[in-house]
């Protein structure tokens, strides 16, 4: 009996030692694979996008051209890394640029009743302000605006959310009615939903320079509901024109949908105007300016139908 016990103990020690060596061997093999894989990814990231596409099959080329060309671990991100600004690439910034996250962010802002305080109700606009800003910047307030356009305002037939979106965001149509901007260009497009936008705003008042904005934009639909998200990029993406001040802290979202006999528009914007704009001034100017802007939009849609 004692001899059998000794044999069992020796066999157990042998088995335990063999398992340990096998496990270490497997870890070593997997580690080597991981190192090689990391080298491949690093080499791939150091070549240009055109080189990346050139070294792939036709099917892969199409997929890369229509994607954001991000590393594999970020394949769900909407924007390329070079579109992100300094704040958005900071280790302290916690936000995933995915469709789900951006939709969630928009809806949270819309439904936030605590942070936003009433500013004014005038000319059909309900306007609220959040003085503490957003995760994109705590230095500047966020302005939330609710507005409804009655369908009866349109003499044109078959007006829908997509047509309103087209007039708001297509450069040619936008410039046809928006007199607050001098230029409006899509300077780079990743796909039909993601693009880089540059526009120059006319001087808002005497002795104030024109402002230009370089935004990354994401327009998307959930059924018949339109959403968009945009935020500023770093200055080096496009050269600043002489005599123009760049707005470098900008974030905005929008939601447009149909409800009963109206088009509902919810717009939330945060922007550094580069000059102090007290709430008292905003409360008197914003409803008037917004009303003029949306009236011009409706008139342009109606007038184009007559051509």
Protein backbone atom coordinates (compact mmCIF):
# COMPACT_ATOMS: atom_id res chain seq x y z
CA UNK A 1 0.00 0.00 0.00
CA UNK A 2 2.83 2.40 0.92
CA UNK A 3 4.65 1.61 -2.34
CA UNK A 4 1.47 2.30 -4.36
CA UNK A 5 1.05 5.65 -2.59
CA UNK A 6 4.64 6.64 -3.45
CA UNK A 7 4.06 5.73 -7.11
CA UNK A 8 0.90 7.86 -7.20
CA UNK A 9 2.68 10.82 -5.63
CA UNK A 10 5.54 10.59 -8.15
CA UNK A 11 3.09 10.38 -11.04
CA UNK A 12 1.17 13.41 -9.75
CA UNK A 13 4.39 15.47 -9.45
CA UNK A 14 5.41 14.43 -12.97
CA UNK A 15 1.98 15.36 -14.39
CA UNK A 16 1.96 18.75 -12.64
CA UNK A 17 5.46 19.58 -13.92
CA UNK A 18 4.57 18.51 -17.49
CA UNK A 19 1.41 20.69 -17.53
CA UNK A 20 3.39 23.69 -16.31
CA UNK A 21 6.00 23.30 -19.06
CA UNK A 22 3.32 22.86 -21.72
CA UNK A 23 1.50 25.94 -20.53
CA UNK A 24 4.68 28.02 -20.59
CA UNK A 25 5.44 26.75 -24.06
CA UNK A 26 2.02 27.72 -25.35
CA UNK A 27 2.29 31.18 -23.79
CA UNK A 28 5.68 31.60 -25.42
CA UNK A 29 4.29 30.61 -28.83
CA UNK A 30 1.28 32.92 -28.49
CA UNK A 31 3.52 35.77 -27.31
CA UNK A 32 5.70 35.33 -30.38
CA UNK A 33 2.62 35.44 -32.59
CA UNK A 34 1.44 38.59 -30.84
CA UNK A 35 4.82 40.27 -31.27
CA UNK A 36 4.83 39.42 -34.98
CA UNK A 37 1.24 40.67 -35.35
CA UNK A 38 2.11 43.95 -33.62
CA UNK A 39 5.05 44.38 -35.99
CA UNK A 40 2.74 43.86 -38.96
CA UNK A 41 0.24 46.43 -37.65
CA UNK A 42 3.02 48.92 -36.91
CA UNK A 43 4.48 48.47 -40.41
CA UNK A 44 1.01 48.83 -41.95
CA UNK A 45 0.29 52.04 -40.03
CA UNK A 46 3.55 53.62 -41.20
CA UNK A 47 2.73 53.43 -44.91
CA UNK A 48 0.44 55.83 -46.72
CA UNK A 49 -3.26 55.09 -47.34
CA UNK A 50 -2.57 54.73 -51.08
CA UNK A 51 0.17 52.15 -50.34
CA UNK A 52 -2.18 50.29 -48.02
CA UNK A 53 -4.81 50.08 -50.76
CA UNK A 54 -2.26 49.16 -53.45
CA UNK A 55 -1.13 46.09 -51.49
CA UNK A 56 -4.60 44.59 -51.17
CA UNK A 57 -7.03 42.63 -53.32
CA UNK A 58 -9.79 44.39 -55.28
CA UNK A 59 -12.40 43.45 -52.70
CA UNK A 60 -10.22 44.74 -49.85
CA UNK A 61 -9.53 47.96 -51.78
CA UNK A 62 -13.22 48.75 -51.97
CA UNK A 63 -13.67 48.01 -48.26
CA UNK A 64 -10.73 50.25 -47.29
CA UNK A 65 -11.81 53.12 -49.53
CA UNK A 66 -15.31 53.09 -48.02
CA UNK A 67 -14.05 52.69 -44.44
CA UNK A 68 -12.41 55.17 -42.10
CA UNK A 69 -9.09 53.34 -42.57
CA UNK A 70 -8.64 52.96 -38.82
CA UNK A 71 -6.64 50.23 -37.04
CA UNK A 72 -8.54 46.99 -36.51
CA UNK A 73 -9.22 47.63 -32.84
CA UNK A 74 -11.03 50.86 -33.78
CA UNK A 75 -12.99 49.55 -36.74
CA UNK A 76 -16.31 50.72 -35.23
CA UNK A 77 -15.16 54.34 -34.94
CA UNK A 78 -16.82 56.79 -37.33
CA UNK A 79 -14.00 59.32 -37.71
CA UNK A 80 -10.38 58.77 -38.74
CA UNK A 81 -7.95 59.66 -35.96
CA UNK A 82 -6.57 62.62 -37.92
CA UNK A 83 -10.03 64.24 -37.73
CA UNK A 84 -9.95 64.35 -33.93
CA UNK A 85 -8.85 67.54 -32.19
CA UNK A 86 -6.38 67.86 -29.32
CA UNK A 87 -9.03 67.57 -26.63
CA UNK A 88 -10.56 64.47 -28.23
CA UNK A 89 -7.23 62.64 -28.31
CA UNK A 90 -6.40 63.49 -24.70
CA UNK A 91 -6.12 60.48 -22.32
CA UNK A 92 -8.70 62.17 -20.07
CA UNK A 93 -11.30 62.38 -22.84
CA UNK A 94 -13.70 59.44 -22.62
CA UNK A 95 -15.89 59.21 -25.69
CA UNK A 96 -16.17 56.53 -28.35
CA UNK A 97 -16.97 57.93 -31.78
CA UNK A 98 -19.37 55.17 -32.78
CA UNK A 99 -22.84 55.53 -34.24
CA UNK A 100 -24.43 54.13 -31.08
CA UNK A 101 -22.50 56.47 -28.81
CA UNK A 102 -23.21 59.56 -30.89
CA UNK A 103 -26.92 58.82 -31.08
CA UNK A 104 -26.93 58.21 -27.32
CA UNK A 105 -25.05 61.49 -26.77
CA UNK A 106 -27.58 63.45 -28.87
CA UNK A 107 -30.58 61.94 -27.12
CA UNK A 108 -29.07 62.53 -23.68
CA UNK A 109 -28.56 66.22 -24.49
CA UNK A 110 -32.10 66.52 -25.82
CA UNK A 111 -33.61 64.87 -22.74
CA UNK A 112 -31.40 66.68 -20.21
CA UNK A 113 -33.82 68.80 -18.18
CA UNK A 114 -31.47 69.52 -15.26
CA UNK A 115 -28.37 71.02 -16.87
CA UNK A 116 -30.22 73.22 -19.37
CA UNK A 117 -32.01 76.27 -17.99
CA UNK A 118 -34.68 78.24 -19.91
CA UNK A 119 -33.24 81.24 -21.73
CA UNK A 120 -36.15 82.55 -23.81
CA UNK A 121 -39.34 81.54 -25.61
CA UNK A 122 -39.85 83.81 -28.60
CA UNK A 123 -40.79 83.67 -32.30
CA UNK A 124 -41.70 80.00 -31.95
CA UNK A 125 -38.34 79.05 -30.45
CA UNK A 126 -37.79 77.47 -27.05
CA UNK A 127 -34.15 78.18 -26.19
CA UNK A 128 -32.22 76.77 -23.23
CA UNK A 129 -28.65 77.24 -22.03
CA UNK A 130 -26.20 75.01 -20.17
CA UNK A 131 -23.51 77.27 -18.75
CA UNK A 132 -21.22 74.37 -17.79
CA UNK A 133 -20.75 73.30 -21.41
CA UNK A 134 -20.20 69.70 -22.44
CA UNK A 135 -17.59 66.95 -22.38
CA UNK A 136 -16.11 68.56 -25.50
CA UNK A 137 -15.48 71.85 -23.69
CA UNK A 138 -16.38 73.20 -20.27
CA UNK A 139 -15.39 76.77 -21.18
CA UNK A 140 -18.34 77.67 -23.37
CA UNK A 141 -22.10 77.26 -22.84
CA UNK A 142 -24.32 74.94 -24.86
CA UNK A 143 -27.42 76.40 -26.49
CA UNK A 144 -30.39 74.10 -27.06
CA UNK A 145 -33.11 75.20 -29.44
CA UNK A 146 -36.53 73.65 -30.20
CA UNK A 147 -38.43 74.73 -33.31
CA UNK A 148 -41.34 73.45 -35.36
CA UNK A 149 -42.10 74.14 -39.02
CA UNK A 150 -45.76 73.52 -39.90
CA UNK A 151 -46.12 71.41 -43.04
CA UNK A 152 -48.62 74.00 -44.23
CA UNK A 153 -45.70 76.46 -44.56
CA UNK A 154 -44.59 74.61 -47.68
CA UNK A 155 -46.33 75.17 -50.98
CA UNK A 156 -44.06 72.55 -52.53
CA UNK A 157 -45.40 69.00 -52.63
CA UNK A 158 -43.83 65.99 -50.93
CA UNK A 159 -41.56 67.92 -48.56
CA UNK A 160 -40.00 65.52 -46.07
CA UNK A 161 -37.14 65.33 -43.57
CA UNK A 162 -34.63 64.28 -46.23
CA UNK A 163 -35.41 67.31 -48.37
CA UNK A 164 -34.96 69.66 -45.40
CA UNK A 165 -31.68 67.91 -44.60
CA UNK A 166 -30.58 68.36 -48.23
CA UNK A 167 -31.19 72.11 -48.14
CA UNK A 168 -29.42 72.45 -44.81
CA UNK A 169 -26.30 70.48 -45.75
CA UNK A 170 -25.81 70.36 -49.52
CA UNK A 171 -23.32 73.19 -50.25
CA UNK A 172 -25.08 74.52 -53.34
CA UNK A 173 -28.52 74.53 -51.74
CA UNK A 174 -27.22 75.92 -48.45
CA UNK A 175 -25.56 78.87 -50.17
CA UNK A 176 -28.76 79.60 -52.11
CA UNK A 177 -30.54 80.86 -49.00
CA UNK A 178 -28.07 81.19 -46.09
CA UNK A 179 -26.73 84.74 -46.14
CA UNK A 180 -24.81 84.28 -42.89
CA UNK A 181 -22.07 82.33 -44.65
CA UNK A 182 -19.75 83.26 -47.51
CA UNK A 183 -18.44 79.81 -48.43
CA UNK A 184 -19.58 76.30 -47.58
CA UNK A 185 -17.50 73.38 -48.87
CA UNK A 186 -17.08 69.68 -48.29
CA UNK A 187 -13.30 69.42 -48.54
CA UNK A 188 -12.99 65.68 -47.90
CA UNK A 189 -15.46 62.82 -47.82
CA UNK A 190 -14.91 59.44 -46.15
CA UNK A 191 -18.29 58.06 -47.21
CA UNK A 192 -21.82 59.37 -47.74
CA UNK A 193 -22.27 59.99 -43.99
CA UNK A 194 -18.84 61.18 -42.85
CA UNK A 195 -17.02 64.18 -44.26
CA UNK A 196 -14.90 67.23 -43.50
CA UNK A 197 -16.66 70.57 -43.83
CA UNK A 198 -15.19 74.07 -44.16
CA UNK A 199 -17.28 77.23 -44.09
CA UNK A 200 -16.69 80.94 -43.58
CA UNK A 201 -19.22 82.91 -41.54
CA UNK A 202 -19.78 86.53 -42.46
CA UNK A 203 -18.93 89.13 -39.83
CA UNK A 204 -21.73 89.13 -37.22
CA UNK A 205 -21.21 92.80 -36.40
CA UNK A 206 -19.13 95.87 -37.21
CA UNK A 207 -15.39 95.66 -36.42
CA UNK A 208 -15.61 91.87 -35.94
CA UNK A 209 -13.62 89.63 -38.30
CA UNK A 210 -15.17 86.84 -40.30
CA UNK A 211 -15.02 83.42 -38.69
CA UNK A 212 -14.20 80.14 -40.35
CA UNK A 213 -14.93 76.63 -39.11
CA UNK A 214 -13.43 73.26 -40.04
CA UNK A 215 -15.76 70.55 -38.80
CA UNK A 216 -15.92 66.81 -39.03
CA UNK A 217 -19.53 65.92 -39.72
CA UNK A 218 -21.53 62.72 -39.33
CA UNK A 219 -25.05 62.70 -40.85
CA UNK A 220 -27.13 59.58 -40.33
CA UNK A 221 -30.71 58.33 -40.23
CA UNK A 222 -32.63 56.05 -37.92
CA UNK A 223 -35.69 55.24 -39.99
CA UNK A 224 -37.15 58.63 -40.95
CA UNK A 225 -35.34 60.50 -38.15
CA UNK A 226 -32.32 62.58 -39.14
CA UNK A 227 -29.35 63.05 -36.81
CA UNK A 228 -26.09 64.87 -37.21
CA UNK A 229 -23.02 65.37 -35.09
CA UNK A 230 -20.09 67.70 -35.71
CA UNK A 231 -17.10 68.97 -33.81
CA UNK A 232 -14.00 70.99 -34.59
CA UNK A 233 -10.73 69.57 -35.88
CA UNK A 234 -7.13 70.64 -35.44
CA UNK A 235 -6.05 73.76 -37.35
CA UNK A 236 -3.47 72.00 -39.48
CA UNK A 237 -6.08 70.23 -41.63
CA UNK A 238 -6.66 73.37 -43.69
CA UNK A 239 -4.79 76.68 -43.93
CA UNK A 240 -6.39 79.67 -42.26
CA UNK A 241 -7.19 82.55 -44.63
CA UNK A 242 -5.70 85.94 -43.83
CA UNK A 243 -7.99 88.27 -41.90
CA UNK A 244 -10.25 85.44 -40.69
CA UNK A 245 -10.48 84.06 -37.14
CA UNK A 246 -10.86 80.30 -36.80
CA UNK A 247 -13.41 78.88 -34.39
CA UNK A 248 -11.52 76.03 -32.76
CA UNK A 249 -14.00 75.01 -30.05
CA UNK A 250 -17.17 73.90 -31.68
CA UNK A 251 -19.59 71.04 -31.14
CA UNK A 252 -23.14 70.72 -32.42
CA UNK A 253 -25.85 68.11 -32.83
CA UNK A 254 -29.21 68.14 -34.57
CA UNK A 255 -32.33 65.98 -34.78
CA UNK A 256 -35.13 66.44 -37.32
CA UNK A 257 -38.30 64.36 -37.47
CA UNK A 258 -41.98 64.53 -38.40
CA UNK A 259 -44.68 64.69 -35.77
CA UNK A 260 -48.33 65.16 -36.66
CA UNK A 261 -48.43 68.08 -39.12
CA UNK A 262 -45.04 69.55 -38.24
CA UNK A 263 -41.33 69.10 -38.80
CA UNK A 264 -39.62 69.13 -35.41
CA UNK A 265 -36.07 70.48 -35.26
CA UNK A 266 -33.86 70.24 -32.18
CA UNK A 267 -30.45 71.89 -32.46
CA UNK A 268 -27.78 72.03 -29.76
CA UNK A 269 -24.63 74.06 -30.32
CA UNK A 270 -21.51 74.92 -28.37
CA UNK A 271 -19.14 77.42 -29.91
CA UNK A 272 -16.38 79.82 -28.98
CA UNK A 273 -17.38 82.92 -30.92
CA UNK A 274 -14.05 84.56 -30.01
CA UNK A 275 -15.87 87.46 -28.39
CA UNK A 276 -18.00 87.72 -25.27
CA UNK A 277 -21.70 87.25 -25.93
CA UNK A 278 -23.71 87.72 -22.69
CA UNK A 279 -26.93 85.67 -22.23
CA UNK A 280 -28.97 88.90 -22.32
CA UNK A 281 -27.71 89.58 -25.85
CA UNK A 282 -28.28 85.98 -26.93
CA UNK A 283 -31.83 86.02 -25.61
CA UNK A 284 -32.73 89.00 -27.81
CA UNK A 285 -30.69 88.14 -30.92
CA UNK A 286 -30.96 84.37 -31.27
CA UNK A 287 -34.75 84.01 -31.78
CA UNK A 288 -34.74 86.75 -34.41
CA UNK A 289 -31.72 85.35 -36.28
CA UNK A 290 -33.01 81.78 -36.10
CA UNK A 291 -36.43 82.86 -37.35
CA UNK A 292 -34.91 84.69 -40.32
CA UNK A 293 -32.76 81.65 -41.14
CA UNK A 294 -35.60 79.11 -41.11
CA UNK A 295 -37.94 81.44 -43.02
CA UNK A 296 -35.26 81.75 -45.70
CA UNK A 297 -34.94 77.95 -45.80
CA UNK A 298 -38.70 77.47 -46.28
CA UNK A 299 -38.90 80.22 -48.92
CA UNK A 300 -36.02 78.71 -50.90
CA UNK A 301 -37.63 75.26 -50.91
CA UNK A 302 -40.91 76.77 -52.10
CA UNK A 303 -39.30 79.01 -54.73
CA UNK A 304 -37.24 76.19 -56.21
CA UNK A 305 -40.45 74.25 -56.81
CA UNK A 306 -41.66 77.03 -59.14
CA UNK A 307 -38.62 76.82 -61.42
